[in-house]
């Protein structure tokens, strides 16, 4: 199939206004990482020009979408169970779990 005198924008099937509003609402409720990956997934569905189109709809930079695509493809190699937010060992450590902190709390008077 050959397209003559057709601009890139006309190649992408535009979402309805209602669909765009729902996409924006859903996007606003996601975490930063999930936002990148959602935008990347939507752009992949559209194919060529999808990143530009989605970046305009969601108000996100194209580089952010490309980072989300990288995370999605890299995520195929590293599986994190759905009941976890982070990889094992990630995140803030519990109080007292760091042995170097013991000397700091020794000098604190608990009952003034």
C-alpha atoms as a PDB file:
ATOM      1  CA  UNK A   1       0.000   0.000   0.000  1.00  0.00           C
ATOM      2  CA  UNK A   2       1.486   3.347  -1.036  1.00  0.00           C
ATOM      3  CA  UNK A   3       0.469   6.666   0.501  1.00  0.00           C
ATOM      4  CA  UNK A   4       0.997   9.732  -1.664  1.00  0.00           C
ATOM      5  CA  UNK A   5       0.966  13.249  -0.275  1.00  0.00           C
ATOM      6  CA  UNK A   6      -0.081  12.047   3.176  1.00  0.00           C
ATOM      7  CA  UNK A   7       1.382  13.720   6.253  1.00  0.00           C
ATOM      8  CA  UNK A   8       2.574  11.734   9.238  1.00  0.00           C
ATOM      9  CA  UNK A   9      -0.151  13.178  11.484  1.00  0.00           C
ATOM     10  CA  UNK A  10      -2.915  11.853   9.249  1.00  0.00           C
ATOM     11  CA  UNK A  11      -1.408   8.360   9.454  1.00  0.00           C
ATOM     12  CA  UNK A  12      -2.163   8.108  13.185  1.00  0.00           C
ATOM     13  CA  UNK A  13      -5.743   7.380  14.102  1.00  0.00           C
ATOM     14  CA  UNK A  14      -6.583  10.047  16.652  1.00  0.00           C
ATOM     15  CA  UNK A  15      -8.243   9.075  19.915  1.00  0.00           C
ATOM     16  CA  UNK A  16     -11.665  10.490  20.703  1.00  0.00           C
ATOM     17  CA  UNK A  17     -11.814  13.397  23.160  1.00  0.00           C
ATOM     18  CA  UNK A  18     -13.334  11.111  25.781  1.00  0.00           C
ATOM     19  CA  UNK A  19     -10.542   8.559  25.345  1.00  0.00           C
ATOM     20  CA  UNK A  20      -7.919  11.311  25.646  1.00  0.00           C
ATOM     21  CA  UNK A  21      -9.516  12.595  28.854  1.00  0.00           C
ATOM     22  CA  UNK A  22      -9.554   9.084  30.327  1.00  0.00           C
ATOM     23  CA  UNK A  23      -5.924   8.535  29.318  1.00  0.00           C
ATOM     24  CA  UNK A  24      -4.915  11.811  30.973  1.00  0.00           C
ATOM     25  CA  UNK A  25      -6.869  10.971  34.124  1.00  0.00           C
ATOM     26  CA  UNK A  26      -5.314   7.512  34.358  1.00  0.00           C
ATOM     27  CA  UNK A  27      -1.849   8.948  33.647  1.00  0.00           C
ATOM     28  CA  UNK A  28      -2.225  11.491  36.465  1.00  0.00           C
ATOM     29  CA  UNK A  29      -2.878   8.728  39.012  1.00  0.00           C
ATOM     30  CA  UNK A  30       0.233   6.687  38.217  1.00  0.00           C
ATOM     31  CA  UNK A  31       3.638   6.718  39.872  1.00  0.00           C
ATOM     32  CA  UNK A  32       6.523   8.310  37.976  1.00  0.00           C
ATOM     33  CA  UNK A  33       7.843   4.978  36.711  1.00  0.00           C
ATOM     34  CA  UNK A  34       4.377   3.772  35.714  1.00  0.00           C
ATOM     35  CA  UNK A  35       3.753   7.058  33.867  1.00  0.00           C
ATOM     36  CA  UNK A  36       6.838   6.556  31.723  1.00  0.00           C
ATOM     37  CA  UNK A  37       5.918   2.987  30.942  1.00  0.00           C
ATOM     38  CA  UNK A  38       2.236   3.753  30.231  1.00  0.00           C
ATOM     39  CA  UNK A  39       3.198   6.526  27.802  1.00  0.00           C
ATOM     40  CA  UNK A  40       5.715   4.198  26.153  1.00  0.00           C
ATOM     41  CA  UNK A  41       3.159   1.417  25.790  1.00  0.00           C
ATOM     42  CA  UNK A  42       0.577   3.735  24.236  1.00  0.00           C
ATOM     43  CA  UNK A  43       3.164   5.093  21.812  1.00  0.00           C
ATOM     44  CA  UNK A  44       4.185   1.567  20.816  1.00  0.00           C
ATOM     45  CA  UNK A  45       0.563   0.738  20.000  1.00  0.00           C
ATOM     46  CA  UNK A  46       0.460   3.632  17.532  1.00  0.00           C
ATOM     47  CA  UNK A  47       3.695   2.804  15.745  1.00  0.00           C
ATOM     48  CA  UNK A  48       5.593   5.450  13.794  1.00  0.00           C
ATOM     49  CA  UNK A  49       4.904   8.925  15.150  1.00  0.00           C
ATOM     50  CA  UNK A  50       3.301   7.492  18.274  1.00  0.00           C
ATOM     51  CA  UNK A  51       5.843   9.009  20.650  1.00  0.00           C
ATOM     52  CA  UNK A  52       5.227  12.504  19.324  1.00  0.00           C
ATOM     53  CA  UNK A  53       1.447  12.061  19.402  1.00  0.00           C
ATOM     54  CA  UNK A  54       1.380  10.660  22.961  1.00  0.00           C
ATOM     55  CA  UNK A  55       3.842  13.295  24.187  1.00  0.00           C
ATOM     56  CA  UNK A  56       1.419  15.998  23.038  1.00  0.00           C
ATOM     57  CA  UNK A  57      -1.613  14.274  24.597  1.00  0.00           C
ATOM     58  CA  UNK A  58       0.000  13.552  27.976  1.00  0.00           C
ATOM     59  CA  UNK A  59       2.304  16.565  28.111  1.00  0.00           C
ATOM     60  CA  UNK A  60       5.427  14.482  28.524  1.00  0.00           C
ATOM     61  CA  UNK A  61       8.783  14.808  26.776  1.00  0.00           C
ATOM     62  CA  UNK A  62       9.575  12.323  23.999  1.00  0.00           C
ATOM     63  CA  UNK A  63      12.812  11.413  25.823  1.00  0.00           C
ATOM     64  CA  UNK A  64      10.716  10.305  28.786  1.00  0.00           C
ATOM     65  CA  UNK A  65       8.710   8.023  26.505  1.00  0.00           C
ATOM     66  CA  UNK A  66      11.918   6.585  25.060  1.00  0.00           C
ATOM     67  CA  UNK A  67      13.165   5.938  28.612  1.00  0.00           C
ATOM     68  CA  UNK A  68       9.882   4.152  29.331  1.00  0.00           C
ATOM     69  CA  UNK A  69      10.348   1.992  26.238  1.00  0.00           C
ATOM     70  CA  UNK A  70      13.834   1.074  27.433  1.00  0.00           C
ATOM     71  CA  UNK A  71      12.469   0.182  30.873  1.00  0.00           C
ATOM     72  CA  UNK A  72       9.773  -1.985  29.313  1.00  0.00           C
ATOM     73  CA  UNK A  73      12.209  -3.916  27.137  1.00  0.00           C
ATOM     74  CA  UNK A  74      14.753  -4.234  29.958  1.00  0.00           C
ATOM     75  CA  UNK A  75      11.928  -5.349  32.251  1.00  0.00           C
ATOM     76  CA  UNK A  76      11.425  -8.400  30.090  1.00  0.00           C
ATOM     77  CA  UNK A  77      14.773  -9.638  31.374  1.00  0.00           C
ATOM     78  CA  UNK A  78      14.262  -8.882  35.095  1.00  0.00           C
ATOM     79  CA  UNK A  79      11.015 -10.026  36.660  1.00  0.00           C
ATOM     80  CA  UNK A  80       9.736  -8.330  39.820  1.00  0.00           C
ATOM     81  CA  UNK A  81       6.766 -10.128  41.432  1.00  0.00           C
ATOM     82  CA  UNK A  82       3.538  -8.137  41.325  1.00  0.00           C
ATOM     83  CA  UNK A  83       3.300  -8.012  45.127  1.00  0.00           C
ATOM     84  CA  UNK A  84       6.539  -5.962  45.282  1.00  0.00           C
ATOM     85  CA  UNK A  85       7.082  -2.300  44.465  1.00  0.00           C
ATOM     86  CA  UNK A  86      10.877  -2.598  44.332  1.00  0.00           C
ATOM     87  CA  UNK A  87      13.514  -5.213  43.785  1.00  0.00           C
ATOM     88  CA  UNK A  88      14.576  -7.189  46.868  1.00  0.00           C
ATOM     89  CA  UNK A  89      16.874  -5.034  49.009  1.00  0.00           C
ATOM     90  CA  UNK A  90      15.646  -1.754  47.491  1.00  0.00           C
ATOM     91  CA  UNK A  91      14.179   1.148  49.410  1.00  0.00           C
ATOM     92  CA  UNK A  92      14.814   2.726  52.779  1.00  0.00           C
ATOM     93  CA  UNK A  93      16.404   0.553  55.447  1.00  0.00           C
ATOM     94  CA  UNK A  94      14.660  -0.005  58.788  1.00  0.00           C
ATOM     95  CA  UNK A  95      15.939   1.851  61.856  1.00  0.00           C
ATOM     96  CA  UNK A  96      18.833   0.107  63.546  1.00  0.00           C
ATOM     97  CA  UNK A  97      19.595  -2.127  60.611  1.00  0.00           C
ATOM     98  CA  UNK A  98      22.755  -0.203  59.797  1.00  0.00           C
ATOM     99  CA  UNK A  99      25.602  -1.254  62.153  1.00  0.00           C
ATOM    100  CA  UNK A 100      27.376   2.097  61.709  1.00  0.00           C
ATOM    101  CA  UNK A 101      24.406   3.879  63.349  1.00  0.00           C
ATOM    102  CA  UNK A 102      24.933   2.189  66.752  1.00  0.00           C
ATOM    103  CA  UNK A 103      27.563   4.675  67.882  1.00  0.00           C
ATOM    104  CA  UNK A 104      25.310   7.583  67.029  1.00  0.00           C
ATOM    105  CA  UNK A 105      22.435   6.516  69.277  1.00  0.00           C
ATOM    106  CA  UNK A 106      24.664   5.558  72.245  1.00  0.00           C
ATOM    107  CA  UNK A 107      25.211   9.192  73.215  1.00  0.00           C
ATOM    108  CA  UNK A 108      21.527  10.161  73.151  1.00  0.00           C
ATOM    109  CA  UNK A 109      19.864  10.508  76.572  1.00  0.00           C
ATOM    110  CA  UNK A 110      16.402   8.938  76.218  1.00  0.00           C
ATOM    111  CA  UNK A 111      14.969  10.333  79.498  1.00  0.00           C
ATOM    112  CA  UNK A 112      16.039  13.908  80.091  1.00  0.00           C
END
